[in-house]
Protein backbone atom coordinates (compact mmCIF):
# COMPACT_ATOMS: atom_id res chain seq x y z
CA UNK A 1 44.37 36.85 -53.84
CA UNK A 2 41.71 38.31 -52.64
CA UNK A 3 39.33 35.28 -52.87
CA UNK A 4 42.41 33.71 -50.48
CA UNK A 5 41.36 36.47 -47.64
CA UNK A 6 38.12 36.76 -48.04
CA UNK A 7 38.37 32.81 -46.85
CA UNK A 8 40.61 33.57 -43.91
CA UNK A 9 38.14 36.48 -43.04
CA UNK A 10 34.51 33.97 -43.00
CA UNK A 11 37.11 31.92 -40.67
CA UNK A 12 38.03 33.83 -38.83
CA UNK A 13 35.01 35.11 -38.11
CA UNK A 14 33.30 31.73 -37.48
CA UNK A 15 36.60 31.35 -34.83
CA UNK A 16 35.25 34.46 -33.29
CA UNK A 17 31.83 33.23 -33.05
CA UNK A 18 32.43 29.99 -31.71
CA UNK A 19 34.78 31.82 -29.19
CA UNK A 20 31.57 34.37 -27.95
CA UNK A 21 29.09 31.03 -27.55
CA UNK A 22 32.06 29.43 -25.33
CA UNK A 23 31.70 32.60 -23.57
CA UNK A 24 28.00 32.59 -23.28
CA UNK A 25 28.20 28.83 -22.14
CA UNK A 26 31.01 29.95 -19.06
CA UNK A 27 28.96 33.06 -18.77
CA UNK A 28 25.79 30.63 -17.78
CA UNK A 29 28.38 28.07 -15.84
CA UNK A 30 29.99 31.04 -13.30
CA UNK A 31 26.88 33.09 -13.15
CA UNK A 32 27.46 35.50 -10.31
CA UNK A 33 31.00 35.08 -10.61
CA UNK A 34 31.70 36.39 -13.82
CA UNK A 35 29.28 39.75 -12.96
CA UNK A 36 31.40 39.95 -9.48
CA UNK A 37 34.81 40.29 -11.67
CA UNK A 38 33.67 42.37 -14.22
CA UNK A 39 32.87 44.93 -11.96
CA UNK A 40 36.37 45.36 -10.50
CA UNK A 41 38.28 47.51 -12.89
CA UNK A 42 38.34 49.13 -16.14
CA UNK A 43 37.49 47.21 -19.38
CA UNK A 44 41.19 46.25 -21.15
CA UNK A 45 42.89 49.06 -23.31
CA UNK A 46 42.67 46.45 -25.62
CA UNK A 47 39.03 46.75 -25.52
CA UNK A 48 39.21 50.00 -25.37
CA UNK A 49 38.87 50.69 -28.54
CA UNK A 50 36.21 48.87 -29.85
CA UNK A 51 32.62 49.54 -31.19
CA UNK A 52 30.07 50.19 -28.70
CA UNK A 53 27.74 47.06 -27.65
CA UNK A 54 24.47 47.65 -29.19
CA UNK A 55 23.27 44.91 -26.96
CA UNK A 56 20.89 45.38 -24.47
CA UNK A 57 21.26 43.74 -20.98
CA UNK A 58 17.77 42.18 -21.67
CA UNK A 59 18.89 40.22 -24.39
CA UNK A 60 21.79 39.18 -23.23
CA UNK A 61 20.12 37.52 -19.82
CA UNK A 62 17.52 36.02 -22.64
CA UNK A 63 20.66 34.49 -24.04
CA UNK A 64 21.93 33.51 -21.41
CA UNK A 65 19.19 31.79 -20.24
CA UNK A 66 18.18 30.22 -24.13
CA UNK A 67 22.01 28.24 -23.15
CA UNK A 68 21.44 27.27 -19.68
CA UNK A 69 17.91 25.53 -20.12
CA UNK A 70 20.80 22.21 -21.75
CA UNK A 71 22.51 22.33 -19.44
CA UNK A 72 19.86 22.02 -16.65
CA UNK A 73 17.84 19.26 -18.78
CA UNK A 74 21.34 17.85 -19.07
CA UNK A 75 22.48 18.08 -15.26
CA UNK A 76 18.88 16.14 -14.88
CA UNK A 77 19.02 13.67 -16.50
CA UNK A 78 23.00 13.00 -15.14
CA UNK A 79 21.17 12.57 -12.24
CA UNK A 80 18.56 11.56 -12.80
CA UNK A 81 20.40 8.03 -14.11
CA UNK A 82 22.97 8.20 -11.51
CA UNK A 83 19.51 7.60 -9.09
CA UNK A 84 18.42 4.86 -10.69
CA UNK A 85 21.85 2.83 -11.05
CA UNK A 86 22.31 3.98 -6.97
CA UNK A 87 18.76 2.10 -6.33
CA UNK A 88 19.16 -0.65 -8.97
CA UNK A 89 23.11 -1.48 -6.99
CA UNK A 90 20.57 -1.37 -3.68
CA UNK A 91 22.79 1.51 -2.96
CA UNK A 92 19.87 4.25 -1.60
CA UNK A 93 19.33 6.05 1.83
CA UNK A 94 15.83 6.63 3.32
CA UNK A 95 14.83 9.71 3.68
CA UNK A 96 12.14 12.14 6.25
CA UNK A 97 8.62 12.28 5.57
CA UNK A 98 8.71 16.12 4.18
CA UNK A 99 10.13 15.08 1.45
CA UNK A 100 8.30 12.66 -0.07
CA UNK A 101 6.44 12.55 -2.84
CA UNK A 102 2.54 13.27 -1.87
CA UNK A 103 1.41 9.40 -2.83
CA UNK A 104 4.30 8.89 -1.03
CA UNK A 105 3.11 10.56 2.08
CA UNK A 106 0.20 7.89 4.03
CA UNK A 107 0.89 9.08 7.89
CA UNK A 108 2.25 12.55 8.41
CA UNK A 109 3.15 11.19 12.54
CA UNK A 110 5.93 8.87 10.67
CA UNK A 111 9.20 11.34 10.53
CA UNK A 112 11.90 9.51 9.89
CA UNK A 113 13.17 6.22 7.68
CA UNK A 114 11.01 5.99 4.49
CA UNK A 115 11.95 4.39 0.85
CA UNK A 116 12.46 7.04 -2.20
CA UNK A 117 11.25 6.34 -4.94
CA UNK A 118 12.52 3.37 -6.48
CA UNK A 119 11.12 2.35 -9.69
CA UNK A 120 12.97 -0.63 -9.57
CA UNK A 121 11.05 -3.84 -8.36
CA UNK A 122 14.78 -5.38 -7.71
CA UNK A 123 15.37 -3.16 -5.82
CA UNK A 124 11.56 -3.05 -4.19
CA UNK A 125 12.14 -6.63 -3.06
CA UNK A 126 15.29 -6.06 -2.23
CA UNK A 127 15.08 -3.24 0.14
CA UNK A 128 12.79 -5.97 1.73
CA UNK A 129 15.69 -6.85 3.62
CA UNK A 130 16.96 -3.11 4.92
CA UNK A 131 15.09 -1.56 7.51
CA UNK A 132 12.84 1.72 7.20
CA UNK A 133 8.82 2.37 8.48
CA UNK A 134 7.49 -0.69 5.73
CA UNK A 135 10.41 -3.48 7.24
CA UNK A 136 7.32 -4.54 9.88
CA UNK A 137 4.85 -4.12 7.84
CA UNK A 138 6.25 -6.61 5.49
CA UNK A 139 7.10 -9.20 7.39
CA UNK A 140 3.95 -10.04 9.72
CA UNK A 141 2.39 -10.72 6.69
CA UNK A 142 4.92 -12.42 5.11
CA UNK A 143 5.42 -14.91 7.91
CA UNK A 144 1.51 -15.06 8.15
CA UNK A 145 1.43 -15.39 4.20
CA UNK A 146 4.48 -18.45 4.91
CA UNK A 147 2.21 -19.68 8.49
CA UNK A 148 -1.39 -20.29 7.06
CA UNK A 149 -0.04 -21.60 3.78
CA UNK A 150 1.00 -24.89 5.62
CA UNK A 151 -1.78 -25.11 7.82
CA UNK A 152 -3.97 -25.20 4.61
CA UNK A 153 -1.64 -27.53 3.52
CA UNK A 154 -1.51 -29.45 6.50
CA UNK A 155 -5.54 -29.54 6.69
CA UNK A 156 -5.72 -30.64 2.66
CA UNK A 157 -3.62 -33.76 3.19
CA UNK A 158 -5.43 -34.73 6.66
CA UNK A 159 -6.52 -37.56 5.57
CA UNK A 160 -10.87 -37.94 4.82
CA UNK A 161 -11.02 -40.82 7.83
CA UNK A 162 -11.11 -37.46 10.02
CA UNK A 163 -13.97 -35.83 8.13
CA UNK A 164 -17.82 -36.55 8.25
CA UNK A 165 -17.68 -35.20 4.54
CA UNK A 166 -14.29 -34.91 2.90
CA UNK A 167 -14.93 -33.25 -0.44
CA UNK A 168 -17.37 -30.68 0.63
CA UNK A 169 -15.23 -30.18 4.45
CA UNK A 170 -12.12 -29.97 2.66
CA UNK A 171 -13.28 -27.09 -0.03
CA UNK A 172 -15.30 -25.31 2.94
CA UNK A 173 -11.57 -25.36 5.11
CA UNK A 174 -9.87 -24.55 1.39
CA UNK A 175 -12.19 -21.43 1.17
CA UNK A 176 -10.90 -19.95 4.63
CA UNK A 177 -7.33 -20.66 3.60
CA UNK A 178 -7.41 -19.21 0.14
CA UNK A 179 -9.01 -16.08 1.51
CA UNK A 180 -6.13 -15.95 4.21
CA UNK A 181 -3.79 -16.63 1.89
CA UNK A 182 -4.29 -14.02 -0.94
CA UNK A 183 -5.21 -10.89 2.08
CA UNK A 184 -1.55 -12.57 3.59
CA UNK A 185 0.57 -12.07 0.06
CA UNK A 186 -1.70 -9.27 -1.40
CA UNK A 187 -0.67 -7.72 1.92
CA UNK A 188 3.14 -8.09 1.82
CA UNK A 189 3.36 -7.51 -1.70
CA UNK A 190 2.24 -4.19 -1.95
CA UNK A 191 4.47 -2.89 1.42
CA UNK A 192 7.11 -4.34 -0.62
CA UNK A 193 6.56 -2.62 -4.32
CA UNK A 194 4.39 0.64 -2.51
CA UNK A 195 7.41 2.48 -3.45
CA UNK A 196 7.46 1.70 -7.17
CA UNK A 197 5.87 4.79 -8.57
CA UNK A 198 2.25 5.89 -8.16
CA UNK A 199 0.50 3.68 -11.12
CA UNK A 200 1.99 0.37 -8.94
CA UNK A 201 1.11 1.91 -5.20
CA UNK A 202 -2.14 1.80 -7.01
CA UNK A 203 -2.84 -1.13 -8.45
CA UNK A 204 -1.30 -3.26 -5.20
CA UNK A 205 -3.28 -1.20 -2.67
CA UNK A 206 -6.02 -2.56 -4.49
CA UNK A 207 -5.59 -5.58 -4.67
CA UNK A 208 -4.73 -4.90 -0.64
CA UNK A 209 -8.17 -3.94 -0.20
CA UNK A 210 -9.80 -6.82 -1.99
CA UNK A 211 -7.61 -9.45 -0.04
CA UNK A 212 -9.53 -8.31 3.00
CA UNK A 213 -12.92 -8.88 1.03
CA UNK A 214 -11.46 -12.01 0.34
CA UNK A 215 -10.77 -13.32 3.87
CA UNK A 216 -13.51 -12.12 5.50
CA UNK A 217 -15.54 -14.00 3.00
CA UNK A 218 -13.23 -17.14 3.43
CA UNK A 219 -13.43 -16.70 7.30
CA UNK A 220 -17.81 -16.66 6.92
CA UNK A 221 -17.65 -19.85 4.88
CA UNK A 222 -16.47 -22.58 7.67
CA UNK A 223 -18.69 -21.36 10.53
CA UNK A 224 -21.42 -20.80 8.55
CA UNK A 225 -21.23 -24.48 7.82
CA UNK A 226 -20.56 -26.49 11.01
CA UNK A 227 -22.61 -23.30 13.08
CA UNK A 228 -26.16 -23.88 10.73
CA UNK A 229 -24.89 -27.71 9.69
CA UNK A 230 -28.71 -29.03 10.24
CA UNK A 231 -30.28 -25.70 9.06
CA UNK A 232 -29.82 -25.56 4.98
CA UNK A 233 -31.85 -22.50 4.56
CA UNK A 234 -30.53 -20.32 6.37
CA UNK A 235 -27.25 -21.01 5.40
CA UNK A 236 -27.26 -20.62 2.11
CA UNK A 237 -29.62 -17.07 2.91
CA UNK A 238 -26.35 -15.84 5.12
CA UNK A 239 -23.36 -17.22 2.83
CA UNK A 240 -25.40 -15.90 -0.58
CA UNK A 241 -25.59 -12.94 1.59
CA UNK A 242 -22.01 -12.08 2.38
CA UNK A 243 -20.88 -13.04 -1.28
CA UNK A 244 -23.46 -10.09 -2.36
CA UNK A 245 -21.41 -8.04 0.00
CA UNK A 246 -17.99 -9.09 -1.04
CA UNK A 247 -17.92 -9.32 -4.84
CA UNK A 248 -18.88 -5.38 -4.03
CA UNK A 249 -17.38 -4.14 -1.47
CA UNK A 250 -14.06 -6.03 -4.17
CA UNK A 251 -15.74 -3.76 -6.77
CA UNK A 252 -15.57 -0.64 -4.88
CA UNK A 253 -11.67 -0.82 -4.12
CA UNK A 254 -10.76 -1.23 -7.76
CA UNK A 255 -11.90 2.72 -7.37
CA UNK A 256 -8.76 4.61 -7.42
CA UNK A 257 -9.96 7.77 -5.22
CA UNK A 258 -10.75 4.38 -2.02
CA UNK A 259 -7.04 3.79 -2.12
CA UNK A 260 -5.79 7.28 -1.31
CA UNK A 261 -3.89 8.34 1.78
CA UNK A 262 -7.26 10.82 2.08
CA UNK A 263 -8.82 8.03 2.97
CA UNK A 264 -7.72 5.88 4.78
CA UNK A 265 -10.15 5.99 8.42
CA UNK A 266 -12.98 5.75 5.59
CA UNK A 267 -11.43 1.98 4.80
CA UNK A 268 -10.64 1.25 8.60
CA UNK A 269 -13.22 3.12 9.73
CA UNK A 270 -16.22 1.28 7.50
CA UNK A 271 -15.56 -1.63 9.53
CA UNK A 272 -15.91 0.21 13.27
CA UNK A 273 -18.75 3.06 12.62
CA UNK A 274 -22.54 3.55 9.97
CA UNK A 275 -22.70 6.61 7.63
CA UNK A 276 -24.17 10.16 10.36
CA UNK A 277 -25.29 11.82 7.27
CA UNK A 278 -28.10 8.98 6.27
CA UNK A 279 -26.70 10.00 2.50
CA UNK A 280 -24.57 8.06 -0.22
CA UNK A 281 -22.37 10.85 -1.04
CA UNK A 282 -19.26 10.12 -3.44
CA UNK A 283 -17.12 7.22 -3.42
CA UNK A 284 -16.42 8.37 0.62
CA UNK A 285 -19.03 7.50 1.48
CA UNK A 286 -20.11 4.28 -0.49
CA UNK A 287 -17.45 2.26 0.18
CA UNK A 288 -17.54 2.79 3.79
CA UNK A 289 -21.59 1.38 3.09
CA UNK A 290 -20.03 -1.64 2.13
CA UNK A 291 -17.02 -2.42 3.79
CA UNK A 292 -19.23 -1.70 6.94
CA UNK A 293 -21.69 -4.53 5.65
CA UNK A 294 -19.43 -6.49 4.70
CA UNK A 295 -18.21 -6.27 8.29
CA UNK A 296 -21.31 -6.87 10.03
CA UNK A 297 -22.74 -9.26 7.92
CA UNK A 298 -21.82 -11.39 10.64
CA UNK A 299 -23.96 -9.99 13.53
CA UNK A 300 -27.66 -11.10 12.15
CA UNK A 301 -26.95 -14.88 11.79
CA UNK A 302 -24.31 -14.42 15.40
CA UNK A 303 -27.22 -13.34 16.77
CA UNK A 304 -29.08 -16.13 15.67
CA UNK A 305 -27.21 -18.39 16.96
CA UNK A 306 -26.45 -17.35 20.20
CA UNK A 307 -30.94 -17.28 20.56
CA UNK A 308 -31.52 -21.17 19.44
CA UNK A 309 -28.84 -22.92 21.06
CA UNK A 310 -28.65 -20.81 23.90
CA UNK A 311 -25.81 -17.76 24.94
CA UNK A 312 -23.52 -21.05 27.31
CA UNK A 313 -24.17 -23.81 24.11
CA UNK A 314 -23.71 -21.37 22.01
CA UNK A 315 -20.26 -19.93 23.46
CA UNK A 316 -18.77 -23.26 24.47
CA UNK A 317 -19.93 -26.11 22.20
CA UNK A 318 -20.31 -23.22 19.73
CA UNK A 319 -17.29 -21.99 20.20
CA UNK A 320 -18.10 -17.93 19.70
CA UNK A 321 -16.39 -17.36 22.29
CA UNK A 322 -12.87 -17.41 20.44
CA UNK A 323 -15.38 -15.89 17.23
CA UNK A 324 -15.63 -12.53 20.33
CA UNK A 325 -12.00 -12.39 20.72
CA UNK A 326 -11.62 -12.96 16.91
CA UNK A 327 -13.61 -9.74 15.81
CA UNK A 328 -12.27 -8.02 18.55
CA UNK A 329 -8.37 -7.96 17.36
CA UNK A 330 -10.23 -6.82 14.05
CA UNK A 331 -11.69 -4.03 16.35
CA UNK A 332 -8.47 -3.16 17.58
CA UNK A 333 -6.92 -3.24 14.72
CA UNK A 334 -8.92 -0.92 12.40
CA UNK A 335 -9.28 1.27 14.85
CA UNK A 336 -5.61 1.58 15.60
CA UNK A 337 -4.61 2.54 12.43
CA UNK A 338 -7.24 4.62 12.10
CA UNK A 339 -6.34 5.90 14.67
CA UNK A 340 -2.83 5.67 14.32
CA UNK A 341 -2.32 5.13 17.39
CA UNK A 342 0.35 4.62 19.33
CA UNK A 343 2.54 6.94 17.29
CA UNK A 344 -0.09 10.14 17.23
CA UNK A 345 0.23 11.20 20.61
CA UNK A 346 4.89 10.13 19.78
CA UNK A 347 5.39 11.39 16.38
CA UNK A 348 9.14 10.50 15.01
CA UNK A 349 9.16 7.77 17.90
CA UNK A 350 7.65 4.35 15.88
CA UNK A 351 8.44 4.88 12.50
CA UNK A 352 10.15 1.56 11.99
CA UNK A 353 8.52 -0.60 14.68
CA UNK A 354 5.25 -0.81 17.55
CA UNK A 355 3.47 1.79 14.86
CA UNK A 356 -0.05 1.19 14.40
CA UNK A 357 -0.21 -0.33 10.77
CA UNK A 358 2.43 -2.79 12.37
CA UNK A 359 -0.36 -3.71 14.94
CA UNK A 360 -3.16 -3.78 13.07
CA UNK A 361 -1.18 -6.81 11.41
CA UNK A 362 -0.76 -8.59 13.68
CA UNK A 363 -3.61 -8.33 15.81
CA UNK A 364 -5.70 -9.38 11.96
CA UNK A 365 -2.94 -12.86 11.67
CA UNK A 366 -3.76 -13.84 15.17
CA UNK A 367 -7.57 -13.42 14.47
CA UNK A 368 -7.69 -15.50 11.54
CA UNK A 369 -5.60 -18.19 13.35
CA UNK A 370 -8.13 -17.63 16.87
CA UNK A 371 -11.11 -18.20 13.83
CA UNK A 372 -9.37 -21.01 12.53
CA UNK A 373 -8.53 -22.32 16.30
CA UNK A 374 -12.27 -22.19 16.28
CA UNK A 375 -13.87 -23.61 13.41
CA UNK A 376 -11.11 -26.77 13.96
CA UNK A 377 -13.00 -26.92 17.38
CA UNK A 378 -16.69 -27.23 15.14
CA UNK A 379 -15.79 -29.53 12.70
CA UNK A 380 -13.91 -31.82 15.88
CA UNK A 381 -16.81 -31.72 17.41
CA UNK A 382 -19.23 -32.08 14.14
CA UNK A 383 -17.22 -34.87 13.48
CA UNK A 384 -17.85 -36.22 17.35
CA UNK A 385 -22.00 -37.30 16.36
CA UNK A 386 -20.68 -38.74 13.60
CA UNK A 387 -23.09 -36.88 11.04
CA UNK A 388 -26.38 -36.39 12.78
CA UNK A 389 -28.72 -34.38 13.62
CA UNK A 390 -31.35 -33.42 16.31
CA UNK A 391 -34.75 -31.51 15.88
CA UNK A 392 -34.42 -28.25 18.02
CA UNK A 393 -30.28 -27.85 17.61
CA UNK A 394 -28.71 -25.64 14.83
CA UNK A 395 -25.21 -27.01 14.86
């Protein structure tokens, strides 16, 4: 009989302990409401005969705090699962700039319309068809990629009868189209998956700037081939310099610090101005020097060609007028991108359309097409001469 009473007593104590734990959980969830109710009136008569509680207020708060931590973690996991599900289903909403994580903050003059972090490639690619700050950046180079892929296929399929040296000339044009297609494809892919995660963003940012170096290298190849057609030694020297600088720029683009928003002006300004300090300290100045050298490596062969052929012949027969226009487009686009014009003067007005990065993209595609047009004219000129050379001409 005594054993039954003891077991009943233990069960009662177990139930009271369970009720006490549930009471603490409820206290943790209700919070201040219970505190207010506790202050409203005296305790009931049933509790009047209870022995005084020996647990201090600090110990009760500590116990409540310990019990609320698992609840908070559980609620956070539920919210994260709900967010990932919404992203997967494409039911996300654009957010303002000030709530973006640091790795997504690039242009503080674009105030609204940003994509949230979306750890799903499917959601990132579906966002191509949504309106946000990257929509224009994606489509300008996606359409440019399709354009140059189409032009490249047409050029490669041209009959050999339209070339003096079909194999060499198609390889030369192929280098240009390869650089243009890779540059534009890396660009639109980067802007598409930019919001996936910090690691993915950094990886595709490296590809994006490597594509710029490939475009510059590929653009030099056909121009140097036809402009110095009858001067193989200078042509080889200039091509070698461009390749060395291009490979160096690609290596620099792989450094993590070079791809951060902090070095935005470094990435764009490297094509516009030299390093005024006269020394190379850290990634920023080294990267600037390498990309500056690559961007300005065309100045020496341009001056060489213009002096040798004369300004009139260089700008007409030599198509230098088109190449000058191409250079103006590239420099203008890079300058607007570095200075963040026009959104700098009208914050929040160019969040979706006509921001500096979109203008830069349009000018890059236009400049590449102008370059292709000039090189095509050079190829026709060379075809008209039937591959002949004169003693006083580089062409």
